[in-house]
Amino acid sequence: GKRVLGPASCTVSYSRAVPVHLRGKVREVSGLHVPADRRGEGHGAALLETLGKDADADGLALMVVVEPYDSDASTFDLGNWYRAHGFVDIQVSPRVMVRTPKQ
């Protein structure tokens, strides 16, 4: 469902992009948004950190399709931002990244 932390928001859901037997172990993060006038203040990072902690507690992987939709950031820059939060590339085109649960 929709997750909100301050001005940052996103949707976390089961992904139809993964095989059925993995859907219970992976959540897709999509539509991560911070209003333009609030970017650079750490709100997106704080939301992603909270999602990571929740996923870790439940033993879930998080997946993102790296697509800047409301930002001037490039796919490269956005991928680097996700990488800084523990995500790794698993697919090049479209760019897909996953963060495995920490124990």
Protein backbone atom coordinates (compact mmCIF):
# COMPACT_ATOMS: atom_id res chain seq x y z
CA GLY A 1 0.00 0.00 0.00
CA LYS A 2 0.91 3.63 0.12
CA ARG A 3 3.68 4.62 2.54
CA VAL A 4 4.24 8.21 3.67
CA LEU A 5 6.97 9.75 5.80
CA GLY A 6 6.85 13.53 5.99
CA PRO A 7 6.61 14.85 2.43
CA ALA A 8 7.99 11.59 0.92
CA SER A 9 5.67 8.88 -0.34
CA CYS A 10 5.73 5.66 -2.33
CA THR A 11 3.79 2.50 -2.98
CA VAL A 12 4.92 -0.91 -1.72
CA SER A 13 3.27 -3.94 -3.27
CA TYR A 14 3.65 -7.53 -4.39
CA SER A 15 5.34 -7.56 -7.78
CA ARG A 16 3.94 -9.33 -10.79
CA ALA A 17 7.42 -9.08 -12.32
CA VAL A 18 8.75 -11.90 -10.16
CA PRO A 19 7.75 -15.56 -10.35
CA VAL A 20 4.74 -16.57 -8.29
CA HIS A 21 6.81 -18.62 -5.84
CA LEU A 22 8.87 -15.51 -4.94
CA ARG A 23 6.04 -12.99 -4.57
CA GLY A 24 5.71 -13.61 -0.86
CA LYS A 25 9.40 -12.77 -0.38
CA VAL A 26 9.72 -9.63 -2.54
CA ARG A 27 8.02 -6.24 -2.36
CA GLU A 28 8.21 -3.71 -5.17
CA VAL A 29 8.75 -0.07 -4.26
CA SER A 30 7.27 2.24 -6.88
CA GLY A 31 6.36 5.87 -7.30
CA LEU A 32 8.85 7.13 -4.72
CA HIS A 33 8.14 10.85 -4.68
CA VAL A 34 9.36 13.90 -2.81
CA PRO A 35 7.99 17.29 -3.88
CA ALA A 36 10.60 19.28 -5.83
CA ASP A 37 10.79 22.01 -3.18
CA ARG A 38 11.62 19.42 -0.47
CA ARG A 39 14.24 17.35 -2.32
CA GLY A 40 17.72 17.16 -0.87
CA GLU A 41 16.47 17.31 2.72
CA GLY A 42 16.72 13.56 3.35
CA HIS A 43 13.00 12.73 3.28
CA GLY A 44 13.29 10.12 0.52
CA ALA A 45 16.29 8.55 2.24
CA ALA A 46 14.42 8.41 5.55
CA LEU A 47 11.44 6.72 3.89
CA LEU A 48 13.68 4.21 2.13
CA GLU A 49 15.51 3.49 5.41
CA THR A 50 12.17 2.85 7.14
CA LEU A 51 11.08 0.53 4.32
CA GLY A 52 14.39 -1.31 4.61
CA LYS A 53 14.04 -1.81 8.35
CA ASP A 54 10.49 -3.11 7.93
CA ALA A 55 11.58 -5.44 5.12
CA ASP A 56 14.51 -6.71 7.20
CA ALA A 57 12.20 -7.46 10.12
CA ASP A 58 9.95 -9.49 7.81
CA GLY A 59 12.79 -11.12 5.85
CA LEU A 60 11.70 -9.49 2.58
CA ALA A 61 13.67 -8.24 -0.41
CA LEU A 62 12.82 -4.85 -1.89
CA MET A 63 12.82 -4.31 -5.65
CA VAL A 64 12.75 -1.08 -7.67
CA VAL A 65 12.53 -0.34 -11.36
CA VAL A 66 14.78 2.69 -11.72
CA GLU A 67 12.75 5.19 -13.72
CA PRO A 68 12.98 8.90 -12.91
CA TYR A 69 9.43 10.06 -13.56
CA ASP A 70 9.19 13.38 -11.74
CA SER A 71 12.80 14.41 -11.43
CA ASP A 72 15.72 15.78 -13.39
CA ALA A 73 17.87 12.91 -12.08
CA SER A 74 19.20 10.46 -14.67
CA THR A 75 18.69 6.73 -14.37
CA PHE A 76 22.42 6.56 -13.55
CA ASP A 77 22.14 9.11 -10.71
CA LEU A 78 18.99 7.56 -9.34
CA GLY A 79 20.60 4.12 -9.46
CA ASN A 80 23.56 5.45 -7.49
CA TRP A 81 21.12 6.84 -4.90
CA TYR A 82 19.46 3.43 -4.54
CA ARG A 83 22.90 1.76 -4.41
CA ALA A 84 23.79 3.99 -1.45
CA HIS A 85 20.75 2.48 0.30
CA GLY A 86 21.80 -1.14 -0.24
CA PHE A 87 20.29 -1.92 -3.64
CA VAL A 88 22.21 -3.79 -6.35
CA ASP A 89 21.55 -4.08 -10.07
CA ILE A 90 19.93 -7.29 -11.27
CA GLN A 91 18.83 -6.13 -14.72
CA VAL A 92 20.13 -3.49 -17.11
CA SER A 93 17.16 -2.59 -19.33
CA PRO A 94 14.87 -1.64 -17.83
CA ARG A 95 17.14 -1.05 -14.87
CA VAL A 96 15.98 -3.16 -11.94
CA MET A 97 17.62 -3.15 -8.52
CA VAL A 98 17.07 -5.28 -5.42
CA ARG A 99 17.90 -4.89 -1.74
CA THR A 100 18.12 -8.21 0.07
CA PRO A 101 17.09 -8.43 3.71
CA LYS A 102 19.77 -7.83 6.32
CA GLN A 103 19.95 -10.23 9.21
